[in-house]
Amino acid sequence: MADGSSFYITTPIFYVNDVPHIGHAYTEVAADVAARWHRQAGEDTWSLTGTDEHGQKILRTATANGVTPKQWADKLVAEAWKPLLETIDIANDDFIRTTDERHERNVQRFLQKLYDEGHIYTGEYEGYYCVGCEEYKQQSELVDGTGEYAGQPVCAIHSKPVELLHEKNYFFRMSAFADRLLALYEERPDFVQPESARNEVVSFVRQGLADLSISRSTFDWGVKVPWDETHVVYVWFDALLNYITAVGYGDDEAEFARRWPAQHIVGKDILRFHAVIWPAMLMAAGLDVPRGVFGHGWLLVGGEKMSKSKLTGIAPEQITDVFGSDAFRFYFMSAISFGQDGSFSWEDLAARYQAELANGFGNLASRVVAMITRYCDGVVPTAGVLSPADAEIGTIARRATERSWDAIGRLAIHEAIAEVWQLVDALNGYLTNEEPWALAKDPEQRDRLEAVLATAYRGLGTLAVLLSPVVPKASAKLWTALGAPGEVTAQRIDRADEAELGERVQPLEALFPRVEVAE
């Protein structure tokens, strides 16, 4: 199905001005689930995440804390950003920092190429700048301030005053690429997803593109412009290049050819950088544009987008300490349609944990393993003659395998999980209808009992494989309890219903134990 092809997926690189919240973790998990799925389908997969450590915002945060920007970045990466990946069980292949020498050197190489080929010129710029966004703002992107900022124009995203800057900068001739960008969106309708994001990008570019100021001279925390060291590279121009500097651009042509282009997953608030500026930069350099850009929705808490500046961020460990990393991953990937905004509440998380994970999947696994232990001395029975009900479980398992893989190909992660859950629900219904506990009381029903337990066992094996990208810890425990060979992650997910299973079950502790949630 997928042998031999390559799949490179990225998260945005995150600012180290503060610690991560569940919005950052949401993006990380989405990319990780997709990467694990592709990896288990036999694809040459590479997953990248990292941190964005240059720019005025980092400089100001570090200065306010009495340290250098590099000291601040080192501390945050070591104490917050890398630990986040362990907290939510991310299996990334690389972690790039924009302060890495491999990155800074090749940002300069890329910029020099564009300069040498006439894509960069000197100009003057005056405009309103939001340090929080690290972006010049159009008048339409500003609102009137309230409270302490009354009478001042403020950023619509951060609700903080913008600064009027006048600088002599270097500019990238982005306006020259408007027609090529529109042709790209037309020829590849799935280049920007979901459709609402695509429509926004197309509309923006059709209004006409301004050239992009790509250097700053009012501060010095950044990559030096190679031909003019009085300027540093604009933080976004620097940051976007991480996606190619991490996979060999400028250093290793074979590795770069093997990996690039990438599928980017980003929050919708940074969609334009990735779907407009970034492909224009690549076009100018004569490189392939990305495989695609997927702009997911916001996580809302109490109806508002989470924000560190507004103190509405929730730390991921507040959830994982109570429910575990598997539940975190499952909840955010299944409860929210990927691409849409989604509301988080503790009540919904607790209810879904109990209904879907503990009672739905976890209890199913415990019951089947316990019944094989009790009625068959732990030896996995063979099915013998299949009834229509047994065969239907096999059909549903095949359908879940095929449809979930198709959904992942469209980055419809919530749909993929819903397809797998069809099998969870079918198996629970099957056991209710077939009543193996009743069959076990009648010696004449022994063949039927064994067929039911064999069918349920095979269904569980399929679930362990299909759910391993989403709930890796629980899937690994279940795989071991099923007595199946090797690691569950070594099983082909696109053939999950054909997985090689075991001959004898092992004890299985509760996959999703009861959680007491404080009122």
Protein backbone atom coordinates (compact mmCIF):
# COMPACT_ATOMS: atom_id res chain seq x y z
CA MET A 1 0.00 0.00 0.00
CA ALA A 2 2.61 2.52 1.11
CA ASP A 3 5.96 0.74 0.76
CA GLY A 4 8.90 2.78 -0.44
CA SER A 5 7.36 6.24 -0.36
CA SER A 6 8.61 8.98 1.96
CA PHE A 7 6.67 11.13 4.37
CA TYR A 8 8.13 14.18 6.11
CA ILE A 9 5.91 16.03 8.59
CA THR A 10 6.60 19.10 10.71
CA THR A 11 5.10 21.08 13.54
CA PRO A 12 5.77 24.80 13.71
CA ILE A 13 8.81 25.65 15.78
CA PHE A 14 7.60 27.28 18.96
CA TYR A 15 8.71 30.53 20.56
CA VAL A 16 10.69 30.02 23.78
CA ASN A 17 9.45 33.19 25.42
CA ASP A 18 7.37 31.05 27.81
CA VAL A 19 6.39 27.49 28.71
CA PRO A 20 4.10 25.34 26.52
CA HIS A 21 0.34 25.02 26.99
CA ILE A 22 -2.11 22.43 25.63
CA GLY A 23 -2.48 24.35 22.36
CA HIS A 24 1.17 23.60 21.57
CA ALA A 25 0.74 20.01 22.73
CA TYR A 26 -2.30 19.62 20.45
CA THR A 27 -0.20 20.45 17.38
CA GLU A 28 2.60 18.14 18.53
CA VAL A 29 0.23 15.19 19.04
CA ALA A 30 -1.47 15.68 15.66
CA ALA A 31 1.84 15.58 13.80
CA ASP A 32 3.01 12.64 15.91
CA VAL A 33 -0.13 10.56 15.28
CA ALA A 34 0.18 11.15 11.52
CA ALA A 35 3.90 10.32 11.58
CA ARG A 36 3.39 7.11 13.56
CA TRP A 37 0.62 6.01 11.19
CA HIS A 38 2.73 6.59 8.09
CA ARG A 39 5.76 4.95 9.71
CA GLN A 40 3.70 1.86 10.53
CA ALA A 41 2.50 1.73 6.92
CA GLY A 42 6.06 1.12 5.79
CA GLU A 43 6.83 4.68 4.64
CA ASP A 44 10.23 6.33 5.06
CA THR A 45 8.96 8.76 7.68
CA TRP A 46 10.60 11.78 9.33
CA SER A 47 9.01 13.91 12.02
CA LEU A 48 10.43 17.32 12.98
CA THR A 49 9.69 19.73 15.79
CA GLY A 50 11.74 22.40 17.51
CA THR A 51 12.04 25.89 18.90
CA ASP A 52 12.20 29.42 17.50
CA GLU A 53 14.74 31.35 19.56
CA HIS A 54 15.50 34.62 17.74
CA GLY A 55 13.63 37.91 17.50
CA GLN A 56 12.66 40.89 19.59
CA LYS A 57 10.16 39.04 21.76
CA ILE A 58 12.81 36.59 23.02
CA LEU A 59 15.33 39.40 23.52
CA ARG A 60 12.88 41.38 25.66
CA THR A 61 11.81 38.35 27.69
CA ALA A 62 15.42 37.40 28.39
CA THR A 63 16.38 40.97 29.33
CA ALA A 64 13.40 41.18 31.68
CA ASN A 65 14.68 38.02 33.37
CA GLY A 66 18.26 39.27 33.66
CA VAL A 67 19.86 36.71 31.33
CA THR A 68 21.13 36.60 27.73
CA PRO A 69 18.70 35.41 25.03
CA LYS A 70 20.74 32.21 24.52
CA GLN A 71 20.75 31.47 28.27
CA TRP A 72 16.98 32.00 28.34
CA ALA A 73 16.45 29.74 25.33
CA ASP A 74 18.71 26.99 26.72
CA LYS A 75 16.80 27.01 30.01
CA LEU A 76 13.35 26.90 28.42
CA VAL A 77 14.30 24.17 25.95
CA ALA A 78 15.82 21.99 28.67
CA GLU A 79 13.19 22.59 31.34
CA ALA A 80 9.97 22.99 29.36
CA TRP A 81 9.99 22.25 25.63
CA LYS A 82 11.89 18.96 25.48
CA PRO A 83 10.11 17.62 28.60
CA LEU A 84 6.78 18.40 26.86
CA LEU A 85 7.62 15.75 24.24
CA GLU A 86 8.00 13.13 26.99
CA THR A 87 4.85 14.28 28.78
CA ILE A 88 2.66 13.62 25.73
CA ASP A 89 4.71 10.71 24.33
CA ILE A 90 6.02 12.27 21.11
CA ALA A 91 8.30 10.08 18.92
CA ASN A 92 9.95 12.85 16.88
CA ASP A 93 12.99 12.10 14.73
CA ASP A 94 14.67 15.48 15.12
CA PHE A 95 14.45 18.63 17.24
CA ILE A 96 15.79 21.78 15.63
CA ARG A 97 16.66 25.04 17.35
CA THR A 98 17.13 28.22 15.33
CA THR A 99 20.29 28.82 17.36
CA ASP A 100 21.77 25.56 15.98
CA GLU A 101 24.87 26.21 13.89
CA ARG A 102 23.50 23.98 11.10
CA HIS A 103 20.47 26.26 10.90
CA GLU A 104 22.13 29.68 11.15
CA ARG A 105 24.80 28.81 8.57
CA ASN A 106 22.25 27.68 5.99
CA VAL A 107 19.85 30.56 6.61
CA GLN A 108 22.72 32.80 5.53
CA ARG A 109 23.41 30.57 2.53
CA PHE A 110 19.75 30.71 1.44
CA LEU A 111 19.55 34.48 1.91
CA GLN A 112 22.77 35.07 0.01
CA LYS A 113 21.43 33.05 -2.92
CA LEU A 114 18.25 35.17 -3.07
CA TYR A 115 20.32 38.36 -2.82
CA ASP A 116 22.72 37.28 -5.55
CA GLU A 117 19.80 36.45 -7.85
CA GLY A 118 18.10 39.81 -7.41
CA HIS A 119 15.17 38.82 -5.17
CA ILE A 120 16.27 41.19 -2.38
CA TYR A 121 16.63 44.98 -2.42
CA THR A 122 17.13 47.86 0.03
CA GLY A 123 14.16 50.00 1.04
CA GLU A 124 12.53 51.97 3.83
CA TYR A 125 9.50 50.92 5.77
CA GLU A 126 7.21 52.54 8.28
CA GLY A 127 4.40 50.62 9.89
CA TYR A 128 2.76 49.30 13.02
CA TYR A 129 4.70 46.35 14.46
CA CYS A 130 3.37 43.78 16.95
CA VAL A 131 6.25 42.29 18.93
CA GLY A 132 3.98 39.44 20.11
CA CYS A 133 3.32 38.35 16.51
CA GLU A 134 6.76 39.53 15.30
CA GLU A 135 4.90 41.00 12.34
CA TYR A 136 4.00 44.33 10.77
CA LYS A 137 0.24 44.84 10.93
CA GLN A 138 -2.17 46.30 8.41
CA GLN A 139 -4.67 48.88 9.68
CA SER A 140 -7.42 46.25 9.28
CA GLU A 141 -5.60 43.95 11.74
CA LEU A 142 -5.69 46.53 14.54
CA VAL A 143 -8.46 47.36 16.98
CA ASP A 144 -8.98 50.19 19.47
CA GLY A 145 -7.49 49.45 22.86
CA THR A 146 -9.55 49.31 26.04
CA GLY A 147 -8.71 49.78 29.73
CA GLU A 148 -5.10 50.81 30.23
CA TYR A 149 -4.61 50.83 26.43
CA ALA A 150 -7.62 53.05 25.67
CA GLY A 151 -6.96 55.37 22.74
CA GLN A 152 -4.11 53.24 21.39
CA PRO A 153 -4.19 50.88 18.39
CA VAL A 154 -3.70 47.31 19.63
CA CYS A 155 -3.09 43.95 17.92
CA ALA A 156 -6.37 42.08 17.43
CA ILE A 157 -4.68 38.80 18.49
CA HIS A 158 -2.67 39.93 21.52
CA SER A 159 -4.73 42.96 22.66
CA LYS A 160 -1.42 44.74 23.26
CA PRO A 161 -0.33 48.09 21.77
CA VAL A 162 1.64 47.99 18.51
CA GLU A 163 4.75 50.07 17.89
CA LEU A 164 5.20 52.52 15.01
CA LEU A 165 8.55 51.61 13.46
CA HIS A 166 10.53 53.34 10.73
CA GLU A 167 13.45 51.31 9.44
CA LYS A 168 15.78 51.04 6.50
CA ASN A 169 15.56 47.32 5.72
CA TYR A 170 16.20 44.70 3.13
CA PHE A 171 13.08 43.54 1.27
CA PHE A 172 12.16 40.28 -0.44
CA ARG A 173 10.33 40.79 -3.76
CA MET A 174 7.36 38.70 -2.65
CA SER A 175 4.91 40.64 -4.83
CA ALA A 176 6.55 39.06 -7.89
CA PHE A 177 5.24 35.64 -6.85
CA ALA A 178 1.52 36.41 -6.48
CA ASP A 179 0.52 34.90 -9.83
CA ARG A 180 2.63 31.79 -9.29
CA LEU A 181 1.09 31.32 -5.84
CA LEU A 182 -2.45 31.64 -7.20
CA ALA A 183 -1.57 29.11 -9.92
CA LEU A 184 -0.26 26.75 -7.22
CA TYR A 185 -3.50 26.97 -5.20
CA GLU A 186 -5.48 26.39 -8.41
CA GLU A 187 -3.45 23.41 -9.62
CA ARG A 188 -3.24 21.78 -6.20
CA PRO A 189 -6.51 22.46 -4.37
CA ASP A 190 -5.32 20.39 -1.41
CA PHE A 191 -2.08 22.39 -1.00
CA VAL A 192 -3.75 24.40 1.77
CA GLN A 193 -6.20 22.54 4.00
CA PRO A 194 -8.90 22.58 5.24
CA GLU A 195 -10.98 24.33 2.57
CA SER A 196 -11.80 27.28 4.83
CA ALA A 197 -8.06 27.90 5.26
CA ARG A 198 -7.48 27.61 1.52
CA ASN A 199 -10.23 30.12 0.77
CA GLU A 200 -8.72 32.60 3.23
CA VAL A 201 -5.26 32.29 1.67
CA VAL A 202 -6.50 32.61 -1.92
CA SER A 203 -8.55 35.68 -0.99
CA PHE A 204 -5.54 37.26 0.73
CA VAL A 205 -3.20 36.74 -2.24
CA ARG A 206 -5.80 37.93 -4.77
CA GLN A 207 -5.84 41.31 -3.00
CA GLY A 208 -2.20 41.69 -4.05
CA LEU A 209 1.02 41.04 -2.17
CA ALA A 210 3.40 43.63 -0.76
CA ASP A 211 7.12 43.01 -0.67
CA LEU A 212 8.35 41.63 2.65
CA SER A 213 10.76 43.41 4.99
CA ILE A 214 13.24 40.65 5.88
CA SER A 215 15.79 42.37 8.10
CA ARG A 216 15.95 44.40 11.30
CA SER A 217 18.61 46.84 12.44
CA THR A 218 17.12 48.11 15.73
CA PHE A 219 18.28 45.03 17.71
CA ASP A 220 20.91 42.33 17.18
CA TRP A 221 19.46 39.04 18.46
CA GLY A 222 19.20 36.97 15.29
CA VAL A 223 21.05 35.57 12.30
CA LYS A 224 23.31 38.21 10.78
CA VAL A 225 22.55 39.25 7.19
CA PRO A 226 25.65 37.85 5.43
CA TRP A 227 26.46 40.93 3.32
CA ASP A 228 25.52 43.49 6.02
CA GLU A 229 26.16 42.53 9.62
CA THR A 230 24.42 45.65 10.92
CA HIS A 231 21.17 43.82 10.13
CA VAL A 232 19.71 40.58 11.47
CA VAL A 233 17.32 38.38 9.49
CA TYR A 234 13.61 38.91 10.22
CA VAL A 235 12.63 36.19 12.67
CA TRP A 236 9.93 34.63 10.46
CA PHE A 237 12.20 34.47 7.40
CA ASP A 238 14.77 32.77 9.63
CA ALA A 239 12.28 30.43 11.33
CA LEU A 240 10.53 29.14 8.21
CA LEU A 241 13.85 27.90 6.86
CA ASN A 242 14.12 25.36 9.71
CA TYR A 243 12.02 22.95 7.65
CA ILE A 244 14.82 22.60 5.10
CA THR A 245 17.91 23.28 7.24
CA ALA A 246 16.90 20.34 9.45
CA VAL A 247 16.97 17.87 6.55
CA GLY A 248 20.23 18.70 4.87
CA TYR A 249 19.65 21.88 2.83
CA GLY A 250 23.08 23.31 2.05
CA ASP A 251 24.91 20.40 3.72
CA ASP A 252 23.65 17.03 2.50
CA GLU A 253 22.01 16.96 -0.94
CA ALA A 254 21.09 13.27 -0.74
CA GLU A 255 19.34 13.66 2.62
CA PHE A 256 17.53 16.77 1.41
CA ALA A 257 16.34 14.96 -1.74
CA ARG A 258 15.21 12.02 0.40
CA ARG A 259 13.13 14.11 2.82
CA TRP A 260 11.86 17.28 1.15
CA PRO A 261 9.07 18.35 0.54
CA ALA A 262 7.27 18.30 3.90
CA GLN A 263 3.70 18.29 5.09
CA HIS A 264 3.34 21.20 7.51
CA ILE A 265 0.85 21.24 10.37
CA VAL A 266 0.34 24.73 11.81
CA GLY A 267 -2.17 26.68 13.85
CA LYS A 268 -4.45 28.77 11.67
CA ASP A 269 -3.07 32.01 13.16
CA ILE A 270 0.27 31.39 11.38
CA LEU A 271 -1.26 30.04 8.17
CA ARG A 272 -0.26 32.97 5.91
CA PHE A 273 3.41 32.68 6.81
CA HIS A 274 3.38 29.03 5.75
CA ALA A 275 0.99 29.15 2.79
CA VAL A 276 2.08 32.48 1.24
CA ILE A 277 5.52 33.69 2.38
CA TRP A 278 7.17 30.28 2.66
CA PRO A 279 6.26 28.90 -0.80
CA ALA A 280 7.24 32.26 -2.33
CA MET A 281 10.65 31.98 -0.65
CA LEU A 282 11.09 28.45 -1.99
CA MET A 283 10.03 29.47 -5.50
CA ALA A 284 12.62 32.25 -5.44
CA ALA A 285 15.32 29.75 -4.46
CA GLY A 286 14.27 27.27 -7.15
CA LEU A 287 13.18 24.65 -4.60
CA ASP A 288 10.03 22.53 -4.44
CA VAL A 289 7.15 24.03 -2.48
CA PRO A 290 5.89 22.00 0.53
CA ARG A 291 3.76 18.89 0.11
CA GLY A 292 0.98 20.77 1.86
CA VAL A 293 0.03 23.14 4.67
CA PHE A 294 -2.71 22.14 7.11
CA GLY A 295 -4.02 24.94 9.33
CA HIS A 296 -5.76 23.45 12.34
CA GLY A 297 -8.22 25.30 14.55
CA TRP A 298 -7.77 26.82 17.97
CA LEU A 299 -8.35 25.19 21.30
CA LEU A 300 -10.90 27.28 23.15
CA VAL A 301 -11.27 27.39 26.91
CA GLY A 302 -14.40 29.14 28.13
CA GLY A 303 -15.03 30.31 24.55
CA GLU A 304 -11.63 32.05 24.24
CA LYS A 305 -8.45 31.01 22.45
CA MET A 306 -5.82 29.95 24.93
CA SER A 307 -3.12 32.54 25.39
CA LYS A 308 -0.06 32.85 27.57
CA SER A 309 -0.36 36.63 27.57
CA LYS A 310 -3.97 36.41 28.80
CA LEU A 311 -3.07 33.72 31.36
CA THR A 312 -5.59 31.26 29.92
CA GLY A 313 -3.05 28.58 29.06
CA ILE A 314 -3.41 25.11 30.59
CA ALA A 315 -0.21 23.11 31.10
CA PRO A 316 -0.34 19.64 29.48
CA GLU A 317 0.84 17.94 32.67
CA GLN A 318 -2.26 19.21 34.47
CA ILE A 319 -4.12 16.72 32.27
CA THR A 320 -1.54 13.93 31.93
CA ASP A 321 -0.89 13.80 35.69
CA VAL A 322 -4.55 12.83 36.17
CA PHE A 323 -5.54 10.95 33.02
CA GLY A 324 -2.21 9.88 31.46
CA SER A 325 -0.62 10.69 28.09
CA ASP A 326 -2.73 8.19 26.13
CA ALA A 327 -5.96 9.84 27.27
CA PHE A 328 -4.57 13.28 26.42
CA ARG A 329 -3.70 12.11 22.91
CA PHE A 330 -6.99 10.29 22.35
CA TYR A 331 -9.18 13.08 23.64
CA PHE A 332 -7.72 15.94 21.62
CA MET A 333 -7.47 13.88 18.42
CA SER A 334 -10.99 12.40 18.62
CA ALA A 335 -13.13 15.04 20.34
CA ILE A 336 -12.20 17.85 17.92
CA SER A 337 -12.64 17.76 14.15
CA PHE A 338 -9.09 18.38 12.98
CA GLY A 339 -9.11 21.71 11.17
CA GLN A 340 -11.94 23.22 13.22
CA ASP A 341 -11.85 25.12 16.51
CA GLY A 342 -12.57 22.94 19.51
CA SER A 343 -13.62 23.66 23.07
CA PHE A 344 -11.83 22.00 25.95
CA SER A 345 -13.53 21.26 29.25
CA TRP A 346 -12.53 19.01 32.14
CA GLU A 347 -16.07 17.62 32.25
CA ASP A 348 -15.99 16.50 28.62
CA LEU A 349 -12.52 14.98 29.02
CA ALA A 350 -13.59 13.03 32.13
CA ALA A 351 -16.80 11.82 30.48
CA ARG A 352 -15.05 10.64 27.31
CA TYR A 353 -12.28 9.01 29.30
CA GLN A 354 -14.82 6.96 31.22
CA ALA A 355 -17.20 6.16 28.35
CA GLU A 356 -14.82 5.58 25.46
CA LEU A 357 -11.47 4.59 26.93
CA ALA A 358 -12.26 2.92 30.25
CA ASN A 359 -15.66 1.36 29.45
CA GLY A 360 -15.41 1.13 25.65
CA PHE A 361 -11.89 -0.01 24.77
CA GLY A 362 -10.27 -0.84 28.12
CA ASN A 363 -13.12 -2.96 29.47
CA LEU A 364 -13.42 -4.80 26.15
CA ALA A 365 -9.75 -5.75 26.28
CA SER A 366 -9.96 -6.88 29.92
CA ARG A 367 -13.06 -9.00 29.32
CA VAL A 368 -11.70 -10.84 26.30
CA VAL A 369 -8.32 -11.60 27.88
CA ALA A 370 -10.04 -12.67 31.14
CA MET A 371 -12.48 -14.99 29.34
CA ILE A 372 -9.71 -16.68 27.32
CA THR A 373 -7.79 -17.14 30.59
CA ARG A 374 -10.83 -18.53 32.45
CA TYR A 375 -12.48 -20.65 29.78
CA CYS A 376 -9.45 -21.76 27.73
CA ASP A 377 -6.65 -21.79 30.33
CA GLY A 378 -5.10 -18.84 28.53
CA VAL A 379 -4.67 -20.68 25.22
CA VAL A 380 -6.00 -18.72 22.26
CA PRO A 381 -8.76 -20.82 20.65
CA THR A 382 -9.29 -21.32 16.93
CA ALA A 383 -12.48 -20.19 15.29
CA GLY A 384 -13.54 -23.29 13.37
CA VAL A 385 -16.76 -22.63 11.49
CA LEU A 386 -17.60 -18.92 11.31
CA SER A 387 -21.16 -17.69 11.80
CA PRO A 388 -22.40 -14.61 9.89
CA ALA A 389 -21.84 -12.57 13.10
CA ASP A 390 -18.21 -13.72 13.30
CA ALA A 391 -17.63 -12.93 9.64
CA GLU A 392 -19.17 -9.49 10.11
CA ILE A 393 -16.54 -8.64 12.75
CA GLY A 394 -13.84 -9.53 10.21
CA THR A 395 -15.50 -7.31 7.62
CA ILE A 396 -15.70 -4.39 10.06
CA ALA A 397 -12.02 -4.87 11.01
CA ARG A 398 -10.99 -4.74 7.35
CA ARG A 399 -13.14 -1.68 6.73
CA ALA A 400 -11.72 0.11 9.81
CA THR A 401 -8.19 -0.64 8.60
CA GLU A 402 -8.79 0.71 5.11
CA ARG A 403 -10.89 3.73 6.02
CA SER A 404 -8.66 4.90 8.87
CA TRP A 405 -5.62 4.84 6.56
CA ASP A 406 -7.57 6.79 3.95
CA ALA A 407 -8.58 9.38 6.58
CA ILE A 408 -4.99 9.78 7.78
CA GLY A 409 -3.97 10.45 4.19
CA ARG A 410 -6.33 13.45 4.29
CA LEU A 411 -5.11 14.41 7.81
CA ALA A 412 -8.66 13.78 9.04
CA ILE A 413 -7.31 12.34 12.28
CA HIS A 414 -10.66 12.50 14.07
CA GLU A 415 -12.25 10.51 11.23
CA ALA A 416 -9.53 7.87 11.40
CA ILE A 417 -10.19 7.31 15.11
CA ALA A 418 -13.95 7.26 14.53
CA GLU A 419 -13.48 4.52 11.91
CA VAL A 420 -11.42 2.46 14.38
CA TRP A 421 -14.05 3.01 17.06
CA GLN A 422 -16.60 1.32 14.78
CA LEU A 423 -14.70 -1.87 15.56
CA VAL A 424 -14.60 -1.16 19.31
CA ASP A 425 -18.38 -0.69 19.34
CA ALA A 426 -18.97 -3.70 17.07
CA LEU A 427 -16.93 -5.99 19.33
CA ASN A 428 -18.74 -4.81 22.46
CA GLY A 429 -22.08 -5.41 20.74
CA TYR A 430 -20.90 -8.80 19.48
CA LEU A 431 -20.02 -9.99 23.00
CA THR A 432 -23.34 -8.75 24.33
CA ASN A 433 -25.22 -10.69 21.64
CA GLU A 434 -23.14 -13.88 21.71
CA GLU A 435 -22.87 -14.10 25.53
CA PRO A 436 -19.70 -16.21 25.78
CA TRP A 437 -20.16 -16.40 29.58
CA ALA A 438 -23.43 -18.24 28.96
CA LEU A 439 -21.93 -20.46 26.24
CA ALA A 440 -19.21 -21.49 28.71
CA LYS A 441 -21.83 -23.14 30.95
CA ASP A 442 -22.93 -25.56 28.21
CA PRO A 443 -20.34 -28.19 27.15
CA GLU A 444 -22.24 -28.73 23.89
CA GLN A 445 -21.57 -25.08 22.96
CA ARG A 446 -17.80 -25.46 23.31
CA ASP A 447 -17.08 -24.98 19.58
CA ARG A 448 -19.27 -21.89 19.51
CA LEU A 449 -17.57 -20.46 22.61
CA GLU A 450 -14.15 -20.92 21.03
CA ALA A 451 -15.27 -19.32 17.75
CA VAL A 452 -16.61 -16.26 19.63
CA LEU A 453 -13.47 -15.85 21.74
CA ALA A 454 -11.19 -16.39 18.73
CA THR A 455 -13.12 -13.75 16.78
CA ALA A 456 -12.98 -11.27 19.68
CA TYR A 457 -9.26 -11.98 20.18
CA ARG A 458 -8.49 -11.26 16.51
CA GLY A 459 -10.56 -8.06 16.68
CA LEU A 460 -8.55 -6.95 19.73
CA GLY A 461 -5.31 -7.59 17.84
CA THR A 462 -6.54 -5.36 15.02
CA LEU A 463 -7.42 -2.64 17.55
CA ALA A 464 -4.00 -2.84 19.22
CA VAL A 465 -2.34 -2.14 15.87
CA LEU A 466 -4.77 0.53 14.67
CA LEU A 467 -4.70 2.45 17.95
CA SER A 468 -0.94 2.29 18.51
CA PRO A 469 -0.32 5.73 16.92
CA VAL A 470 -3.01 7.27 19.13
CA VAL A 471 -2.65 5.46 22.48
CA PRO A 472 0.85 3.93 22.22
CA LYS A 473 1.21 2.90 25.87
CA ALA A 474 -2.14 1.10 26.09
CA SER A 475 -1.63 -0.57 22.70
CA ALA A 476 1.79 -1.90 23.72
CA LYS A 477 0.35 -3.33 26.97
CA LEU A 478 -2.52 -4.96 25.10
CA TRP A 479 -0.16 -6.40 22.48
CA THR A 480 1.91 -8.02 25.23
CA ALA A 481 -1.23 -9.38 26.93
CA LEU A 482 -2.35 -10.90 23.64
CA GLY A 483 0.91 -12.87 23.59
CA ALA A 484 1.65 -11.46 20.13
CA PRO A 485 5.22 -11.48 18.80
CA GLY A 486 7.58 -8.50 18.72
CA GLU A 487 6.47 -4.89 19.10
CA VAL A 488 3.04 -3.69 18.06
CA THR A 489 4.71 -0.79 16.23
CA ALA A 490 6.41 -3.33 13.93
CA GLN A 491 3.00 -4.42 12.60
CA ARG A 492 1.80 -2.96 9.31
CA ILE A 493 -1.06 -0.62 10.18
CA ASP A 494 -2.44 -0.69 6.65
CA ARG A 495 -2.89 -4.45 7.11
CA ALA A 496 -3.86 -4.35 10.77
CA ASP A 497 -6.65 -6.92 10.36
CA GLU A 498 -4.07 -9.46 9.15
CA ALA A 499 -1.64 -8.94 12.06
CA GLU A 500 0.25 -11.99 13.27
CA LEU A 501 -1.01 -12.69 16.80
CA GLY A 502 -0.09 -15.12 19.57
CA GLU A 503 -1.02 -18.49 21.03
CA ARG A 504 -1.43 -17.70 24.72
CA VAL A 505 -2.67 -14.60 26.54
CA GLN A 506 -0.92 -12.94 29.48
CA PRO A 507 -2.48 -11.07 32.42
CA LEU A 508 -3.69 -7.58 31.52
CA GLU A 509 -3.89 -4.74 34.04
CA ALA A 510 -6.60 -2.14 33.46
CA LEU A 511 -5.58 -0.07 30.44
CA PHE A 512 -7.55 2.96 31.64
CA PRO A 513 -8.06 2.74 35.41
CA ARG A 514 -10.79 4.64 37.17
CA VAL A 515 -9.91 8.30 37.68
CA GLU A 516 -11.20 10.39 40.56
CA VAL A 517 -11.73 13.94 39.32
CA ALA A 518 -11.97 16.57 42.03
CA GLU A 519 -15.20 18.54 41.91
